Amino acid sequence: MWLNIPYSISTATADVTDKDNQRIHKTEHLLVAKQPITLYFTTTQANYALRSQKMRFSFLVPESNHDVKYSLLLE
């Protein structure tokens, strides 16, 4: 999972917590975490200022022998 700031720097997820604000340490634990979850990202103001398009949240989902990339518009 990462935050896309086109065309600047992409930032990986800094932290993930469940609804009880307990940190989820590995992404494979997301399926058993108390829902909803909260994702935290950090970036500098300079990276954000360099964007030329709206930011996106992107993530990969495993599908048999490959991964499918999904990307959600944030702004």
N, C-alpha and C. Protein backbone atom coordinates (compact mmCIF):
# COMPACT_ATOMS: atom_id res chain seq x y z
N MET A 1 0.85 -1.17 0.00
CA MET A 1 0.00 0.00 0.00
C MET A 1 0.89 1.23 0.00
N TRP A 2 0.54 2.21 -0.79
CA TRP A 2 1.32 3.43 -0.82
C TRP A 2 0.48 4.61 -1.28
N LEU A 3 0.99 5.79 -0.99
CA LEU A 3 0.38 7.05 -1.39
C LEU A 3 1.11 7.54 -2.62
N ASN A 4 0.39 7.72 -3.73
CA ASN A 4 0.98 8.24 -4.96
C ASN A 4 0.77 9.74 -5.03
N ILE A 5 1.85 10.47 -5.21
CA ILE A 5 1.78 11.91 -5.40
C ILE A 5 2.35 12.19 -6.78
N PRO A 6 1.53 12.12 -7.84
CA PRO A 6 2.06 12.28 -9.21
C PRO A 6 2.53 13.70 -9.44
N TYR A 7 3.52 13.93 -10.05
CA TYR A 7 4.67 13.10 -10.35
C TYR A 7 5.78 13.52 -9.42
N SER A 8 5.65 13.15 -8.19
CA SER A 8 6.61 13.46 -7.15
C SER A 8 7.10 12.14 -6.60
N ILE A 9 7.05 11.94 -5.30
CA ILE A 9 7.57 10.74 -4.66
C ILE A 9 6.40 9.94 -4.08
N SER A 10 6.41 8.62 -4.31
CA SER A 10 5.41 7.75 -3.69
C SER A 10 5.89 7.38 -2.30
N THR A 11 4.97 7.30 -1.37
CA THR A 11 5.30 7.03 0.03
C THR A 11 4.58 5.77 0.49
N ALA A 12 5.35 4.85 1.05
CA ALA A 12 4.75 3.61 1.59
C ALA A 12 3.99 3.92 2.87
N THR A 13 3.11 3.01 3.24
CA THR A 13 2.33 3.17 4.47
C THR A 13 3.26 3.28 5.67
N ALA A 14 3.09 4.31 6.47
CA ALA A 14 3.93 4.50 7.66
C ALA A 14 3.43 3.67 8.83
N ASP A 15 2.12 3.53 8.95
CA ASP A 15 1.54 2.81 10.07
C ASP A 15 0.11 2.43 9.75
N VAL A 16 -0.36 1.32 10.33
CA VAL A 16 -1.74 0.87 10.16
C VAL A 16 -2.27 0.52 11.55
N THR A 17 -3.45 1.05 11.88
CA THR A 17 -4.06 0.73 13.18
C THR A 17 -5.49 0.25 12.97
N ASP A 18 -5.97 -0.57 13.92
CA ASP A 18 -7.35 -1.03 13.85
C ASP A 18 -8.27 -0.05 14.57
N LYS A 19 -9.56 -0.40 14.70
CA LYS A 19 -10.54 0.53 15.27
C LYS A 19 -10.28 0.82 16.75
N ASP A 20 -9.50 -0.04 17.42
CA ASP A 20 -9.14 0.20 18.82
C ASP A 20 -7.79 0.90 18.94
N ASN A 21 -7.30 1.42 17.82
CA ASN A 21 -6.03 2.13 17.75
C ASN A 21 -4.84 1.24 18.08
N GLN A 22 -5.00 -0.07 17.85
CA GLN A 22 -3.90 -1.03 18.03
C GLN A 22 -3.16 -1.17 16.71
N ARG A 23 -1.84 -1.09 16.77
CA ARG A 23 -1.03 -1.15 15.55
C ARG A 23 -1.08 -2.55 14.95
N ILE A 24 -1.24 -2.61 13.63
CA ILE A 24 -1.20 -3.86 12.88
C ILE A 24 0.20 -3.95 12.30
N HIS A 25 0.96 -4.95 12.74
CA HIS A 25 2.39 -5.00 12.42
C HIS A 25 2.70 -5.58 11.05
N LYS A 26 1.89 -6.45 10.53
CA LYS A 26 2.16 -7.05 9.21
C LYS A 26 0.89 -7.00 8.38
N THR A 27 1.06 -6.77 7.08
CA THR A 27 -0.12 -6.63 6.22
C THR A 27 -0.97 -7.89 6.17
N GLU A 28 -0.38 -9.07 6.38
CA GLU A 28 -1.19 -10.29 6.36
C GLU A 28 -2.14 -10.35 7.55
N HIS A 29 -1.94 -9.53 8.57
CA HIS A 29 -2.84 -9.48 9.71
C HIS A 29 -4.05 -8.58 9.47
N LEU A 30 -4.11 -7.91 8.32
CA LEU A 30 -5.24 -7.02 8.03
C LEU A 30 -6.57 -7.76 8.00
N LEU A 31 -6.56 -9.00 7.51
CA LEU A 31 -7.81 -9.75 7.38
C LEU A 31 -8.44 -10.09 8.72
N VAL A 32 -7.63 -10.20 9.77
CA VAL A 32 -8.17 -10.55 11.08
C VAL A 32 -8.24 -9.34 12.02
N ALA A 33 -7.86 -8.16 11.53
CA ALA A 33 -7.89 -6.95 12.35
C ALA A 33 -9.32 -6.50 12.57
N LYS A 34 -9.54 -5.82 13.70
CA LYS A 34 -10.85 -5.23 13.95
C LYS A 34 -11.06 -4.10 12.96
N GLN A 35 -12.18 -4.11 12.27
CA GLN A 35 -12.46 -3.14 11.22
C GLN A 35 -13.24 -1.96 11.77
N PRO A 36 -13.14 -0.77 11.26
CA PRO A 36 -12.30 -0.37 10.13
C PRO A 36 -10.85 -0.17 10.57
N ILE A 37 -9.97 -0.05 9.58
CA ILE A 37 -8.56 0.22 9.86
C ILE A 37 -8.23 1.64 9.42
N THR A 38 -7.15 2.19 9.96
CA THR A 38 -6.69 3.53 9.59
C THR A 38 -5.27 3.42 9.07
N LEU A 39 -5.02 4.02 7.92
CA LEU A 39 -3.69 4.02 7.32
C LEU A 39 -3.07 5.39 7.51
N TYR A 40 -1.79 5.42 7.86
CA TYR A 40 -1.07 6.67 8.04
C TYR A 40 0.07 6.76 7.03
N PHE A 41 0.21 7.91 6.41
CA PHE A 41 1.29 8.18 5.47
C PHE A 41 1.96 9.47 5.88
N THR A 42 3.24 9.58 5.59
CA THR A 42 3.94 10.84 5.82
C THR A 42 4.66 11.25 4.54
N THR A 43 4.70 12.53 4.32
CA THR A 43 5.45 13.09 3.20
C THR A 43 5.79 14.53 3.56
N THR A 44 6.73 15.08 2.87
CA THR A 44 7.09 16.46 3.15
C THR A 44 6.18 17.41 2.39
N GLN A 45 6.07 18.62 2.85
CA GLN A 45 5.29 19.64 2.16
C GLN A 45 5.86 19.88 0.76
N ALA A 46 7.18 19.78 0.62
CA ALA A 46 7.82 19.97 -0.68
C ALA A 46 7.37 18.91 -1.68
N ASN A 47 7.28 17.65 -1.25
CA ASN A 47 6.81 16.58 -2.14
C ASN A 47 5.37 16.84 -2.57
N TYR A 48 4.54 17.25 -1.63
CA TYR A 48 3.15 17.53 -1.93
C TYR A 48 3.04 18.70 -2.91
N ALA A 49 3.87 19.70 -2.75
CA ALA A 49 3.84 20.88 -3.62
C ALA A 49 4.26 20.54 -5.04
N LEU A 50 5.06 19.47 -5.23
CA LEU A 50 5.54 19.09 -6.57
C LEU A 50 4.51 18.32 -7.38
N ARG A 51 3.38 17.96 -6.77
CA ARG A 51 2.41 17.13 -7.49
C ARG A 51 1.86 17.88 -8.70
N SER A 52 1.60 17.12 -9.75
CA SER A 52 1.02 17.71 -10.95
C SER A 52 -0.39 17.15 -11.21
N GLN A 53 -0.81 16.21 -10.39
CA GLN A 53 -2.14 15.62 -10.49
C GLN A 53 -2.64 15.34 -9.07
N LYS A 54 -3.87 14.93 -8.95
CA LYS A 54 -4.44 14.59 -7.64
C LYS A 54 -3.77 13.33 -7.08
N MET A 55 -3.67 13.25 -5.75
CA MET A 55 -3.05 12.09 -5.10
C MET A 55 -3.96 10.87 -5.21
N ARG A 56 -3.32 9.70 -5.10
CA ARG A 56 -4.03 8.43 -5.15
C ARG A 56 -3.51 7.50 -4.06
N PHE A 57 -4.38 6.64 -3.56
CA PHE A 57 -3.99 5.55 -2.68
C PHE A 57 -3.94 4.31 -3.55
N SER A 58 -2.80 3.65 -3.59
CA SER A 58 -2.63 2.47 -4.43
C SER A 58 -2.29 1.26 -3.58
N PHE A 59 -2.73 0.10 -4.04
CA PHE A 59 -2.43 -1.14 -3.32
C PHE A 59 -2.47 -2.30 -4.29
N LEU A 60 -1.77 -3.38 -3.93
CA LEU A 60 -1.71 -4.59 -4.74
C LEU A 60 -2.52 -5.69 -4.07
N VAL A 61 -3.25 -6.45 -4.88
CA VAL A 61 -4.03 -7.59 -4.39
C VAL A 61 -3.56 -8.83 -5.13
N PRO A 62 -3.10 -9.87 -4.40
CA PRO A 62 -2.64 -11.09 -5.07
C PRO A 62 -3.79 -11.82 -5.75
N GLU A 63 -3.56 -12.23 -6.96
CA GLU A 63 -4.52 -13.02 -7.75
C GLU A 63 -3.77 -14.19 -8.37
N SER A 64 -3.99 -15.39 -7.90
CA SER A 64 -3.31 -16.62 -8.31
C SER A 64 -1.81 -16.38 -8.52
N ASN A 65 -1.33 -16.25 -9.75
CA ASN A 65 0.12 -16.14 -9.97
C ASN A 65 0.58 -14.72 -10.32
N HIS A 66 -0.24 -13.71 -10.01
CA HIS A 66 0.16 -12.32 -10.27
C HIS A 66 -0.56 -11.39 -9.29
N ASP A 67 -0.21 -10.12 -9.33
CA ASP A 67 -0.85 -9.12 -8.48
C ASP A 67 -1.64 -8.15 -9.34
N VAL A 68 -2.77 -7.67 -8.80
CA VAL A 68 -3.58 -6.66 -9.47
C VAL A 68 -3.43 -5.35 -8.70
N LYS A 69 -3.10 -4.28 -9.40
CA LYS A 69 -2.92 -2.98 -8.76
C LYS A 69 -4.24 -2.21 -8.82
N TYR A 70 -4.65 -1.68 -7.67
CA TYR A 70 -5.82 -0.82 -7.58
C TYR A 70 -5.36 0.57 -7.15
N SER A 71 -6.03 1.58 -7.63
CA SER A 71 -5.64 2.94 -7.31
C SER A 71 -6.90 3.79 -7.12
N LEU A 72 -7.02 4.44 -5.95
CA LEU A 72 -8.19 5.24 -5.62
C LEU A 72 -7.83 6.72 -5.54
N LEU A 73 -8.59 7.55 -6.23
CA LEU A 73 -8.38 8.98 -6.21
C LEU A 73 -8.72 9.54 -4.83
N LEU A 74 -7.86 10.40 -4.27
CA LEU A 74 -8.07 10.90 -2.90
C LEU A 74 -8.59 12.32 -2.83
N GLU A 75 -8.28 13.15 -3.76
CA GLU A 75 -8.66 14.57 -3.66
C GLU A 75 -9.87 14.89 -4.51
